[in-house]
C-alpha atoms as a PDB file:
ATOM      1  CA  UNK A   1       0.025  -0.060  -0.016  1.00  0.00           C
ATOM      2  CA  UNK A   2       1.737   3.535  -0.766  1.00  0.00           C
ATOM      3  CA  UNK A   3       1.822   5.975   1.343  1.00  0.00           C
ATOM      4  CA  UNK A   4       0.945   4.377   4.708  1.00  0.00           C
ATOM      5  CA  UNK A   5       0.992   7.051   6.462  1.00  0.00           C
ATOM      6  CA  UNK A   6      -1.734   8.727   4.664  1.00  0.00           C
ATOM      7  CA  UNK A   7      -3.844   5.926   5.006  1.00  0.00           C
ATOM      8  CA  UNK A   8      -3.412   5.324   8.780  1.00  0.00           C
ATOM      9  CA  UNK A   9      -4.077   9.041   9.180  1.00  0.00           C
ATOM     10  CA  UNK A  10      -7.342   9.088   7.563  1.00  0.00           C
ATOM     11  CA  UNK A  11      -8.338   6.643   9.952  1.00  0.00           C
ATOM     12  CA  UNK A  12      -7.405   8.202  12.974  1.00  0.00           C
ATOM     13  CA  UNK A  13      -6.438  11.642  12.259  1.00  0.00           C
ATOM     14  CA  UNK A  14      -3.862  13.444  14.229  1.00  0.00           C
ATOM     15  CA  UNK A  15      -4.182  10.861  17.200  1.00  0.00           C
ATOM     16  CA  UNK A  16      -0.963   9.032  18.599  1.00  0.00           C
ATOM     17  CA  UNK A  17       0.136   6.171  15.990  1.00  0.00           C
ATOM     18  CA  UNK A  18       2.731   4.058  16.503  1.00  0.00           C
ATOM     19  CA  UNK A  19       4.864   4.286  13.236  1.00  0.00           C
ATOM     20  CA  UNK A  20       7.873   2.336  12.280  1.00  0.00           C
ATOM     21  CA  UNK A  21      10.886   4.340  10.693  1.00  0.00           C
ATOM     22  CA  UNK A  22      14.533   3.152   9.430  1.00  0.00           C
ATOM     23  CA  UNK A  23      17.548   5.577   9.329  1.00  0.00           C
ATOM     24  CA  UNK A  24      20.587   5.387   7.794  1.00  0.00           C
ATOM     25  CA  UNK A  25      23.750   6.446  10.099  1.00  0.00           C
ATOM     26  CA  UNK A  26      26.095   6.538   6.829  1.00  0.00           C
ATOM     27  CA  UNK A  27      29.410   6.931   7.326  1.00  0.00           C
ATOM     28  CA  UNK A  28      32.425   8.222   5.256  1.00  0.00           C
ATOM     29  CA  UNK A  29      35.915   7.930   4.716  1.00  0.00           C
ATOM     30  CA  UNK A  30      36.756  10.546   7.230  1.00  0.00           C
ATOM     31  CA  UNK A  31      34.409   8.912  10.080  1.00  0.00           C
ATOM     32  CA  UNK A  32      31.732  11.816   9.052  1.00  0.00           C
ATOM     33  CA  UNK A  33      27.811  11.234   9.380  1.00  0.00           C
ATOM     34  CA  UNK A  34      25.781  12.176   6.551  1.00  0.00           C
ATOM     35  CA  UNK A  35      22.843  14.451   7.748  1.00  0.00           C
ATOM     36  CA  UNK A  36      19.573  15.644   6.138  1.00  0.00           C
ATOM     37  CA  UNK A  37      18.062  19.350   6.826  1.00  0.00           C
ATOM     38  CA  UNK A  38      14.675  18.039   6.149  1.00  0.00           C
ATOM     39  CA  UNK A  39      12.159  20.343   4.030  1.00  0.00           C
ATOM     40  CA  UNK A  40       9.023  19.645   6.229  1.00  0.00           C
ATOM     41  CA  UNK A  41      10.824  21.215   9.358  1.00  0.00           C
ATOM     42  CA  UNK A  42      13.774  22.904   8.268  1.00  0.00           C
ATOM     43  CA  UNK A  43      15.806  21.083  11.049  1.00  0.00           C
ATOM     44  CA  UNK A  44      18.347  18.062  10.935  1.00  0.00           C
ATOM     45  CA  UNK A  45      18.341  14.753  11.299  1.00  0.00           C
ATOM     46  CA  UNK A  46      19.922  11.595  10.001  1.00  0.00           C
ATOM     47  CA  UNK A  47      18.342  10.693   6.453  1.00  0.00           C
ATOM     48  CA  UNK A  48      15.459   7.856   6.657  1.00  0.00           C
ATOM     49  CA  UNK A  49      11.539   7.591   6.991  1.00  0.00           C
ATOM     50  CA  UNK A  50       8.640   5.432   7.371  1.00  0.00           C
ATOM     51  CA  UNK A  51       7.942   1.848   6.749  1.00  0.00           C
ATOM     52  CA  UNK A  52       5.287   1.201   3.919  1.00  0.00           C
ATOM     53  CA  UNK A  53       2.755  -1.944   4.308  1.00  0.00           C
ATOM     54  CA  UNK A  54       4.741  -4.820   2.281  1.00  0.00           C
ATOM     55  CA  UNK A  55       8.449  -3.636   2.951  1.00  0.00           C
ATOM     56  CA  UNK A  56      11.041  -4.938   4.607  1.00  0.00           C
ATOM     57  CA  UNK A  57      13.597  -2.126   6.648  1.00  0.00           C
ATOM     58  CA  UNK A  58      16.216  -2.852   3.895  1.00  0.00           C
ATOM     59  CA  UNK A  59      13.871  -2.050   1.363  1.00  0.00           C
ATOM     60  CA  UNK A  60      12.040   1.214   3.108  1.00  0.00           C
ATOM     61  CA  UNK A  61      16.290   1.847   4.064  1.00  0.00           C
ATOM     62  CA  UNK A  62      17.329   1.972   0.189  1.00  0.00           C
ATOM     63  CA  UNK A  63      14.311   3.576  -0.782  1.00  0.00           C
ATOM     64  CA  UNK A  64      14.323   6.252   1.306  1.00  0.00           C
ATOM     65  CA  UNK A  65      18.072   6.945   1.163  1.00  0.00           C
ATOM     66  CA  UNK A  66      17.749   7.011  -2.489  1.00  0.00           C
ATOM     67  CA  UNK A  67      14.705   9.499  -2.740  1.00  0.00           C
ATOM     68  CA  UNK A  68      16.403  11.755  -0.555  1.00  0.00           C
ATOM     69  CA  UNK A  69      20.174  11.823  -0.810  1.00  0.00           C
ATOM     70  CA  UNK A  70      20.417  10.088  -4.148  1.00  0.00           C
ATOM     71  CA  UNK A  71      22.830   7.396  -2.875  1.00  0.00           C
ATOM     72  CA  UNK A  72      23.091   3.980  -2.975  1.00  0.00           C
ATOM     73  CA  UNK A  73      24.403   2.280   0.094  1.00  0.00           C
ATOM     74  CA  UNK A  74      25.672  -0.841   1.442  1.00  0.00           C
ATOM     75  CA  UNK A  75      24.106  -1.751   4.954  1.00  0.00           C
ATOM     76  CA  UNK A  76      27.213  -2.233   7.579  1.00  0.00           C
ATOM     77  CA  UNK A  77      25.402  -3.509  10.548  1.00  0.00           C
ATOM     78  CA  UNK A  78      22.593  -2.766  13.260  1.00  0.00           C
ATOM     79  CA  UNK A  79      23.329   0.491  15.273  1.00  0.00           C
ATOM     80  CA  UNK A  80      20.231  -0.206  17.053  1.00  0.00           C
ATOM     81  CA  UNK A  81      16.208  -0.066  17.821  1.00  0.00           C
ATOM     82  CA  UNK A  82      14.742   2.997  19.349  1.00  0.00           C
ATOM     83  CA  UNK A  83      11.347   2.348  20.693  1.00  0.00           C
ATOM     84  CA  UNK A  84      10.253   5.110  23.002  1.00  0.00           C
ATOM     85  CA  UNK A  85      10.404   8.082  21.245  1.00  0.00           C
ATOM     86  CA  UNK A  86       7.267  10.693  20.530  1.00  0.00           C
ATOM     87  CA  UNK A  87       6.911  13.225  18.462  1.00  0.00           C
ATOM     88  CA  UNK A  88       4.399  15.982  17.228  1.00  0.00           C
ATOM     89  CA  UNK A  89       5.229  16.722  13.677  1.00  0.00           C
ATOM     90  CA  UNK A  90       4.117  20.348  12.571  1.00  0.00           C
ATOM     91  CA  UNK A  91       0.751  19.730  11.187  1.00  0.00           C
ATOM     92  CA  UNK A  92      -0.073  17.925  14.447  1.00  0.00           C
ATOM     93  CA  UNK A  93       0.318  14.509  13.601  1.00  0.00           C
ATOM     94  CA  UNK A  94       1.404  12.518  16.756  1.00  0.00           C
ATOM     95  CA  UNK A  95       3.598  10.052  16.858  1.00  0.00           C
ATOM     96  CA  UNK A  96       5.179   6.738  19.137  1.00  0.00           C
ATOM     97  CA  UNK A  97       8.127   5.812  16.937  1.00  0.00           C
ATOM     98  CA  UNK A  98       9.923   2.692  16.125  1.00  0.00           C
ATOM     99  CA  UNK A  99      13.360   3.431  14.495  1.00  0.00           C
ATOM    100  CA  UNK A 100      15.369   0.842  13.193  1.00  0.00           C
ATOM    101  CA  UNK A 101      18.867   2.862  12.380  1.00  0.00           C
ATOM    102  CA  UNK A 102      21.982   0.976  10.394  1.00  0.00           C
ATOM    103  CA  UNK A 103      25.100   1.948   9.933  1.00  0.00           C
ATOM    104  CA  UNK A 104      25.885   2.286   6.036  1.00  0.00           C
ATOM    105  CA  UNK A 105      28.544   3.264   3.735  1.00  0.00           C
ATOM    106  CA  UNK A 106      28.168   4.899   0.043  1.00  0.00           C
ATOM    107  CA  UNK A 107      27.828   2.152  -2.676  1.00  0.00           C
ATOM    108  CA  UNK A 108      26.957   4.358  -5.587  1.00  0.00           C
ATOM    109  CA  UNK A 109      25.042   7.369  -6.330  1.00  0.00           C
ATOM    110  CA  UNK A 110      25.931  11.309  -6.192  1.00  0.00           C
ATOM    111  CA  UNK A 111      24.632  13.356  -3.491  1.00  0.00           C
ATOM    112  CA  UNK A 112      21.586  15.436  -4.407  1.00  0.00           C
ATOM    113  CA  UNK A 113      19.748  17.414  -1.618  1.00  0.00           C
ATOM    114  CA  UNK A 114      17.220  19.084  -4.689  1.00  0.00           C
ATOM    115  CA  UNK A 115      14.235  17.051  -3.646  1.00  0.00           C
ATOM    116  CA  UNK A 116      10.583  17.183  -2.366  1.00  0.00           C
ATOM    117  CA  UNK A 117      11.659  16.134   1.307  1.00  0.00           C
ATOM    118  CA  UNK A 118      15.662  17.221   1.636  1.00  0.00           C
ATOM    119  CA  UNK A 119      16.437  21.200   1.655  1.00  0.00           C
ATOM    120  CA  UNK A 120      20.885  20.246   2.125  1.00  0.00           C
ATOM    121  CA  UNK A 121      23.058  17.339   3.188  1.00  0.00           C
ATOM    122  CA  UNK A 122      26.248  17.604   4.874  1.00  0.00           C
ATOM    123  CA  UNK A 123      28.397  15.095   6.306  1.00  0.00           C
ATOM    124  CA  UNK A 124      29.405  16.511   9.827  1.00  0.00           C
ATOM    125  CA  UNK A 125      32.250  14.777  12.501  1.00  0.00           C
ATOM    126  CA  UNK A 126      30.066  13.111  15.214  1.00  0.00           C
ATOM    127  CA  UNK A 127      31.272  15.576  17.835  1.00  0.00           C
ATOM    128  CA  UNK A 128      30.271  18.432  15.567  1.00  0.00           C
ATOM    129  CA  UNK A 129      26.684  18.117  15.251  1.00  0.00           C
ATOM    130  CA  UNK A 130      23.681  20.556  15.046  1.00  0.00           C
ATOM    131  CA  UNK A 131      20.992  19.927  17.146  1.00  0.00           C
ATOM    132  CA  UNK A 132      18.873  17.429  15.777  1.00  0.00           C
ATOM    133  CA  UNK A 133      14.871  17.357  15.614  1.00  0.00           C
ATOM    134  CA  UNK A 134      14.639  13.713  16.927  1.00  0.00           C
ATOM    135  CA  UNK A 135      15.461  12.271  19.863  1.00  0.00           C
ATOM    136  CA  UNK A 136      16.355   8.839  18.569  1.00  0.00           C
ATOM    137  CA  UNK A 137      18.768  10.531  15.820  1.00  0.00           C
ATOM    138  CA  UNK A 138      20.770  12.027  18.859  1.00  0.00           C
ATOM    139  CA  UNK A 139      20.672   8.868  20.645  1.00  0.00           C
ATOM    140  CA  UNK A 140      21.836   6.762  17.776  1.00  0.00           C
ATOM    141  CA  UNK A 141      24.615   9.280  17.227  1.00  0.00           C
ATOM    142  CA  UNK A 142      25.875   8.961  20.782  1.00  0.00           C
ATOM    143  CA  UNK A 143      25.679   5.340  20.510  1.00  0.00           C
ATOM    144  CA  UNK A 144      27.748   5.037  17.313  1.00  0.00           C
ATOM    145  CA  UNK A 145      30.390   7.623  19.067  1.00  0.00           C
ATOM    146  CA  UNK A 146      30.206   4.964  22.239  1.00  0.00           C
ATOM    147  CA  UNK A 147      31.013   2.163  19.752  1.00  0.00           C
ATOM    148  CA  UNK A 148      27.482   0.808  20.998  1.00  0.00           C
ATOM    149  CA  UNK A 149      26.147  -1.517  18.256  1.00  0.00           C
ATOM    150  CA  UNK A 150      22.767  -3.648  18.491  1.00  0.00           C
ATOM    151  CA  UNK A 151      21.563  -0.986  20.910  1.00  0.00           C
ATOM    152  CA  UNK A 152      17.617  -1.686  21.884  1.00  0.00           C
ATOM    153  CA  UNK A 153      15.889   0.513  23.837  1.00  0.00           C
END
């Protein structure tokens, strides 16, 4: 089913919903992490997005990264599963997010920040991160910096 969020919101409105997201912590050769300034919120975060019905986490990740960054990725390992995070979006939608975050490397493609979801892309050293929109993103980057992999929160 395309656009699962739109479909579920047509049923429940802006009420709290549990949604599954998949993010990439894309690392370059300098150990910098790719972050995205999101068009909807005009704030920084890890690239990724919502799982659609019928998709696996890997399929979601590859689709979202290609759409948002233009990159093809190699998934190296699971960074963590982040499950107790709450967010209210600018339009009033409320979520408890289940976020699966993977460590990835670029496998092809070229960075493209001109798209419907992205204002800007940048590789940033983990210790120099700007404020990030989602708490799970902040926790994931901290886990990466601390060498914690396979985290479940």
